Amino acid sequence: MRSKKLERFKTSGSGKLLELGIPLPTTLDGMVYRFSPNPDAHLRHLLLGQRAEGFLFRPSLLAG
């Protein structure tokens, strides 16, 4: 059985075994939605993407 919709995400495999590379859902700005694997995290919903221009990085903010 062939599925044309799944074949566009095919990365490798043949016959009955397919390996798919399905892209992660993104916002209109190109950021990726992710959830923290820690169920006790205060903020579980994360948006990952490029750093905003003009953002000042402070090393003191890193957990260490």
PDB file of N, CA and C in Angstrom:
ATOM      1  N   MET A   1       0.846  -1.179   0.000  1.00  0.00           N
ATOM      2  CA  MET A   1       0.000   0.000   0.000  1.00  0.00           C
ATOM      3  C   MET A   1       0.892   1.244   0.000  1.00  0.00           C
ATOM      4  N   ARG A   2       0.605   2.184  -0.879  1.00  0.00           N
ATOM      5  CA  ARG A   2       1.378   3.408  -0.981  1.00  0.00           C
ATOM      6  C   ARG A   2       0.548   4.588  -0.509  1.00  0.00           C
ATOM      7  N   SER A   3       1.209   5.503   0.131  1.00  0.00           N
ATOM      8  CA  SER A   3       0.549   6.714   0.579  1.00  0.00           C
ATOM      9  C   SER A   3       1.342   7.910   0.053  1.00  0.00           C
ATOM     10  N   LYS A   4       0.778   8.618  -0.902  1.00  0.00           N
ATOM     11  CA  LYS A   4       1.471   9.748  -1.502  1.00  0.00           C
ATOM     12  C   LYS A   4       1.711  10.861  -0.489  1.00  0.00           C
ATOM     13  N   LYS A   5       0.795  11.025   0.448  1.00  0.00           N
ATOM     14  CA  LYS A   5       0.955  12.083   1.442  1.00  0.00           C
ATOM     15  C   LYS A   5       2.119  11.793   2.379  1.00  0.00           C
ATOM     16  N   LEU A   6       2.334  10.524   2.745  1.00  0.00           N
ATOM     17  CA  LEU A   6       3.449  10.187   3.617  1.00  0.00           C
ATOM     18  C   LEU A   6       4.775  10.134   2.866  1.00  0.00           C
ATOM     19  N   GLU A   7       4.734   9.812   1.601  1.00  0.00           N
ATOM     20  CA  GLU A   7       5.962   9.691   0.830  1.00  0.00           C
ATOM     21  C   GLU A   7       6.714  11.007   0.703  1.00  0.00           C
ATOM     22  N   ARG A   8       6.031  12.128   0.816  1.00  0.00           N
ATOM     23  CA  ARG A   8       6.740  13.405   0.721  1.00  0.00           C
ATOM     24  C   ARG A   8       7.608  13.664   1.952  1.00  0.00           C
ATOM     25  N   PHE A   9       7.364  12.964   3.068  1.00  0.00           N
ATOM     26  CA  PHE A   9       8.173  13.099   4.274  1.00  0.00           C
ATOM     27  C   PHE A   9       9.199  11.976   4.409  1.00  0.00           C
ATOM     28  N   LYS A  10       9.279  11.116   3.431  1.00  0.00           N
ATOM     29  CA  LYS A  10      10.170   9.952   3.494  1.00  0.00           C
ATOM     30  C   LYS A  10      11.633  10.393   3.480  1.00  0.00           C
ATOM     31  N   THR A  11      12.426   9.863   4.428  1.00  0.00           N
ATOM     32  CA  THR A  11      13.861  10.142   4.456  1.00  0.00           C
ATOM     33  C   THR A  11      14.658   8.925   4.013  1.00  0.00           C
ATOM     34  N   SER A  12      14.182   7.717   4.322  1.00  0.00           N
ATOM     35  CA  SER A  12      14.837   6.491   3.869  1.00  0.00           C
ATOM     36  C   SER A  12      13.888   5.324   4.083  1.00  0.00           C
ATOM     37  N   GLY A  13      14.350   4.134   3.741  1.00  0.00           N
ATOM     38  CA  GLY A  13      13.545   2.935   3.898  1.00  0.00           C
ATOM     39  C   GLY A  13      12.985   2.470   2.577  1.00  0.00           C
ATOM     40  N   SER A  14      12.509   1.236   2.581  1.00  0.00           N
ATOM     41  CA  SER A  14      11.916   0.680   1.374  1.00  0.00           C
ATOM     42  C   SER A  14      10.889  -0.372   1.770  1.00  0.00           C
ATOM     43  N   GLY A  15      10.021  -0.692   0.844  1.00  0.00           N
ATOM     44  CA  GLY A  15       9.000  -1.703   1.109  1.00  0.00           C
ATOM     45  C   GLY A  15       8.039  -1.257   2.183  1.00  0.00           C
ATOM     46  N   LYS A  16       7.886  -2.087   3.217  1.00  0.00           N
ATOM     47  CA  LYS A  16       6.944  -1.789   4.289  1.00  0.00           C
ATOM     48  C   LYS A  16       7.549  -0.896   5.374  1.00  0.00           C
ATOM     49  N   LEU A  17       8.884  -0.755   5.387  1.00  0.00           N
ATOM     50  CA  LEU A  17       9.534   0.039   6.422  1.00  0.00           C
ATOM     51  C   LEU A  17       9.919   1.412   5.876  1.00  0.00           C
ATOM     52  N   LEU A  18       9.309   2.449   6.419  1.00  0.00           N
ATOM     53  CA  LEU A  18       9.604   3.817   6.019  1.00  0.00           C
ATOM     54  C   LEU A  18      10.163   4.579   7.211  1.00  0.00           C
ATOM     55  N   GLU A  19      11.107   5.466   6.955  1.00  0.00           N
ATOM     56  CA  GLU A  19      11.555   6.413   7.961  1.00  0.00           C
ATOM     57  C   GLU A  19      11.096   7.777   7.489  1.00  0.00           C
ATOM     58  N   LEU A  20      10.364   8.458   8.374  1.00  0.00           N
ATOM     59  CA  LEU A  20       9.776   9.741   8.005  1.00  0.00           C
ATOM     60  C   LEU A  20      10.474  10.878   8.733  1.00  0.00           C
ATOM     61  N   GLY A  21      10.569  12.005   8.092  1.00  0.00           N
ATOM     62  CA  GLY A  21      11.091  13.225   8.685  1.00  0.00           C
ATOM     63  C   GLY A  21      10.020  14.292   8.621  1.00  0.00           C
ATOM     64  N   ILE A  22       9.152  14.305   9.609  1.00  0.00           N
ATOM     65  CA  ILE A  22       8.029  15.242   9.624  1.00  0.00           C
ATOM     66  C   ILE A  22       8.465  16.513  10.346  1.00  0.00           C
ATOM     67  N   PRO A  23       8.342  17.681   9.706  1.00  0.00           N
ATOM     68  CA  PRO A  23       8.780  18.924  10.340  1.00  0.00           C
ATOM     69  C   PRO A  23       7.915  19.274  11.554  1.00  0.00           C
ATOM     70  N   LEU A  24       8.535  19.954  12.517  1.00  0.00           N
ATOM     71  CA  LEU A  24       7.814  20.384  13.710  1.00  0.00           C
ATOM     72  C   LEU A  24       6.884  21.540  13.376  1.00  0.00           C
ATOM     73  N   PRO A  25       5.757  21.657  14.091  1.00  0.00           N
ATOM     74  CA  PRO A  25       4.849  22.778  13.830  1.00  0.00           C
ATOM     75  C   PRO A  25       5.509  24.101  14.204  1.00  0.00           C
ATOM     76  N   THR A  26       5.321  25.127  13.385  1.00  0.00           N
ATOM     77  CA  THR A  26       5.942  26.420  13.632  1.00  0.00           C
ATOM     78  C   THR A  26       4.897  27.528  13.622  1.00  0.00           C
ATOM     79  N   THR A  27       5.291  28.670  14.185  1.00  0.00           N
ATOM     80  CA  THR A  27       4.455  29.864  14.149  1.00  0.00           C
ATOM     81  C   THR A  27       4.702  30.572  12.823  1.00  0.00           C
ATOM     82  N   LEU A  28       4.007  31.654  12.590  1.00  0.00           N
ATOM     83  CA  LEU A  28       4.220  32.434  11.371  1.00  0.00           C
ATOM     84  C   LEU A  28       5.614  33.064  11.338  1.00  0.00           C
ATOM     85  N   ASP A  29       6.214  33.278  12.518  1.00  0.00           N
ATOM     86  CA  ASP A  29       7.552  33.861  12.605  1.00  0.00           C
ATOM     87  C   ASP A  29       8.648  32.814  12.447  1.00  0.00           C
ATOM     88  N   GLY A  30       8.286  31.540  12.343  1.00  0.00           N
ATOM     89  CA  GLY A  30       9.268  30.481  12.177  1.00  0.00           C
ATOM     90  C   GLY A  30       9.748  29.867  13.471  1.00  0.00           C
ATOM     91  N   MET A  31       9.112  30.187  14.585  1.00  0.00           N
ATOM     92  CA  MET A  31       9.502  29.602  15.868  1.00  0.00           C
ATOM     93  C   MET A  31       8.807  28.254  16.035  1.00  0.00           C
ATOM     94  N   VAL A  32       9.436  27.370  16.812  1.00  0.00           N
ATOM     95  CA  VAL A  32       8.960  26.001  16.981  1.00  0.00           C
ATOM     96  C   VAL A  32       8.307  25.847  18.357  1.00  0.00           C
ATOM     97  N   TYR A  33       7.130  25.236  18.396  1.00  0.00           N
ATOM     98  CA  TYR A  33       6.449  24.936  19.655  1.00  0.00           C
ATOM     99  C   TYR A  33       7.051  23.681  20.277  1.00  0.00           C
ATOM    100  N   ARG A  34       7.386  23.720  21.560  1.00  0.00           N
ATOM    101  CA  ARG A  34       7.862  22.549  22.284  1.00  0.00           C
ATOM    102  C   ARG A  34       7.300  22.585  23.697  1.00  0.00           C
ATOM    103  N   PHE A  35       7.195  21.421  24.323  1.00  0.00           N
ATOM    104  CA  PHE A  35       6.791  21.319  25.714  1.00  0.00           C
ATOM    105  C   PHE A  35       7.964  20.800  26.524  1.00  0.00           C
ATOM    106  N   SER A  36       8.121  21.314  27.730  1.00  0.00           N
ATOM    107  CA  SER A  36       9.171  20.853  28.617  1.00  0.00           C
ATOM    108  C   SER A  36       8.867  19.420  29.044  1.00  0.00           C
ATOM    109  N   PRO A  37       9.875  18.543  29.066  1.00  0.00           N
ATOM    110  CA  PRO A  37       9.631  17.163  29.502  1.00  0.00           C
ATOM    111  C   PRO A  37       9.410  17.052  31.008  1.00  0.00           C
ATOM    112  N   ASN A  38       9.718  18.112  31.747  1.00  0.00           N
ATOM    113  CA  ASN A  38       9.542  18.115  33.193  1.00  0.00           C
ATOM    114  C   ASN A  38       8.100  18.479  33.526  1.00  0.00           C
ATOM    115  N   PRO A  39       7.315  17.549  34.089  1.00  0.00           N
ATOM    116  CA  PRO A  39       5.900  17.849  34.384  1.00  0.00           C
ATOM    117  C   PRO A  39       5.730  18.889  35.488  1.00  0.00           C
ATOM    118  N   ASP A  40       6.772  19.125  36.297  1.00  0.00           N
ATOM    119  CA  ASP A  40       6.684  20.100  37.387  1.00  0.00           C
ATOM    120  C   ASP A  40       7.229  21.469  36.997  1.00  0.00           C
ATOM    121  N   ALA A  41       7.613  21.652  35.744  1.00  0.00           N
ATOM    122  CA  ALA A  41       8.156  22.931  35.302  1.00  0.00           C
ATOM    123  C   ALA A  41       7.075  24.004  35.351  1.00  0.00           C
ATOM    124  N   HIS A  42       7.471  25.203  35.751  1.00  0.00           N
ATOM    125  CA  HIS A  42       6.507  26.304  35.862  1.00  0.00           C
ATOM    126  C   HIS A  42       5.990  26.699  34.474  1.00  0.00           C
ATOM    127  N   LEU A  43       6.883  26.801  33.508  1.00  0.00           N
ATOM    128  CA  LEU A  43       6.490  27.104  32.129  1.00  0.00           C
ATOM    129  C   LEU A  43       6.771  25.879  31.270  1.00  0.00           C
ATOM    130  N   ARG A  44       5.741  25.141  30.910  1.00  0.00           N
ATOM    131  CA  ARG A  44       5.944  23.929  30.107  1.00  0.00           C
ATOM    132  C   ARG A  44       5.897  24.209  28.618  1.00  0.00           C
ATOM    133  N   HIS A  45       5.227  25.257  28.199  1.00  0.00           N
ATOM    134  CA  HIS A  45       5.086  25.568  26.779  1.00  0.00           C
ATOM    135  C   HIS A  45       6.217  26.513  26.382  1.00  0.00           C
ATOM    136  N   LEU A  46       7.047  26.077  25.446  1.00  0.00           N
ATOM    137  CA  LEU A  46       8.203  26.864  25.031  1.00  0.00           C
ATOM    138  C   LEU A  46       8.109  27.191  23.548  1.00  0.00           C
ATOM    139  N   LEU A  47       8.638  28.338  23.178  1.00  0.00           N
ATOM    140  CA  LEU A  47       8.788  28.711  21.775  1.00  0.00           C
ATOM    141  C   LEU A  47      10.276  28.832  21.504  1.00  0.00           C
ATOM    142  N   LEU A  48      10.783  28.018  20.601  1.00  0.00           N
ATOM    143  CA  LEU A  48      12.205  28.023  20.282  1.00  0.00           C
ATOM    144  C   LEU A  48      12.415  28.647  18.918  1.00  0.00           C
ATOM    145  N   GLY A  49      13.448  29.443  18.800  1.00  0.00           N
ATOM    146  CA  GLY A  49      13.743  30.074  17.521  1.00  0.00           C
ATOM    147  C   GLY A  49      14.993  30.918  17.613  1.00  0.00           C
ATOM    148  N   GLN A  50      15.160  31.793  16.658  1.00  0.00           N
ATOM    149  CA  GLN A  50      16.317  32.676  16.623  1.00  0.00           C
ATOM    150  C   GLN A  50      16.223  33.735  17.721  1.00  0.00           C
ATOM    151  N   ARG A  51      17.384  34.138  18.235  1.00  0.00           N
ATOM    152  CA  ARG A  51      17.417  35.187  19.247  1.00  0.00           C
ATOM    153  C   ARG A  51      17.012  36.514  18.608  1.00  0.00           C
ATOM    154  N   ALA A  52      16.223  37.301  19.309  1.00  0.00           N
ATOM    155  CA  ALA A  52      15.769  38.593  18.800  1.00  0.00           C
ATOM    156  C   ALA A  52      16.949  39.558  18.705  1.00  0.00           C
ATOM    157  N   GLU A  53      16.962  40.364  17.661  1.00  0.00           N
ATOM    158  CA  GLU A  53      18.018  41.361  17.509  1.00  0.00           C
ATOM    159  C   GLU A  53      17.929  42.376  18.638  1.00  0.00           C
ATOM    160  N   GLY A  54      19.083  42.792  19.135  1.00  0.00           N
ATOM    161  CA  GLY A  54      19.115  43.763  20.216  1.00  0.00           C
ATOM    162  C   GLY A  54      19.003  43.137  21.593  1.00  0.00           C
ATOM    163  N   PHE A  55      18.907  41.801  21.675  1.00  0.00           N
ATOM    164  CA  PHE A  55      18.818  41.125  22.966  1.00  0.00           C
ATOM    165  C   PHE A  55      20.180  41.157  23.635  1.00  0.00           C
ATOM    166  N   LEU A  56      20.240  41.645  24.871  1.00  0.00           N
ATOM    167  CA  LEU A  56      21.497  41.707  25.609  1.00  0.00           C
ATOM    168  C   LEU A  56      21.633  40.456  26.473  1.00  0.00           C
ATOM    169  N   PHE A  57      22.651  39.664  26.192  1.00  0.00           N
ATOM    170  CA  PHE A  57      22.889  38.428  26.934  1.00  0.00           C
ATOM    171  C   PHE A  57      23.698  38.741  28.180  1.00  0.00           C
ATOM    172  N   ARG A  58      23.235  38.261  29.340  1.00  0.00           N
ATOM    173  CA  ARG A  58      23.968  38.436  30.601  1.00  0.00           C
ATOM    174  C   ARG A  58      24.354  37.050  31.108  1.00  0.00           C
ATOM    175  N   PRO A  59      25.643  36.755  31.221  1.00  0.00           N
ATOM    176  CA  PRO A  59      26.079  35.437  31.721  1.00  0.00           C
ATOM    177  C   PRO A  59      25.562  35.135  33.118  1.00  0.00           C
ATOM    178  N   SER A  60      25.221  36.149  33.912  1.00  0.00           N
ATOM    179  CA  SER A  60      24.728  35.915  35.265  1.00  0.00           C
ATOM    180  C   SER A  60      23.358  35.228  35.259  1.00  0.00           C
ATOM    181  N   LEU A  61      22.676  35.230  34.122  1.00  0.00           N
ATOM    182  CA  LEU A  61      21.359  34.585  34.033  1.00  0.00           C
ATOM    183  C   LEU A  61      21.463  33.067  33.876  1.00  0.00           C
ATOM    184  N   LEU A  62      22.630  32.558  33.513  1.00  0.00           N
ATOM    185  CA  LEU A  62      22.790  31.125  33.340  1.00  0.00           C
ATOM    186  C   LEU A  62      22.749  30.397  34.668  1.00  0.00           C
ATOM    187  N   ALA A  63      22.075  29.267  34.694  1.00  0.00           N
ATOM    188  CA  ALA A  63      22.067  28.446  35.907  1.00  0.00           C
ATOM    189  C   ALA A  63      23.428  27.773  36.001  1.00  0.00           C
ATOM    190  N   GLY A  64      24.031  27.824  37.138  1.00  0.00           N
ATOM    191  CA  GLY A  64      25.366  27.282  37.168  1.00  0.00           C
ATOM    192  C   GLY A  64      25.684  26.561  38.369  1.00  0.00           C
TER     193      GLY A  64
END
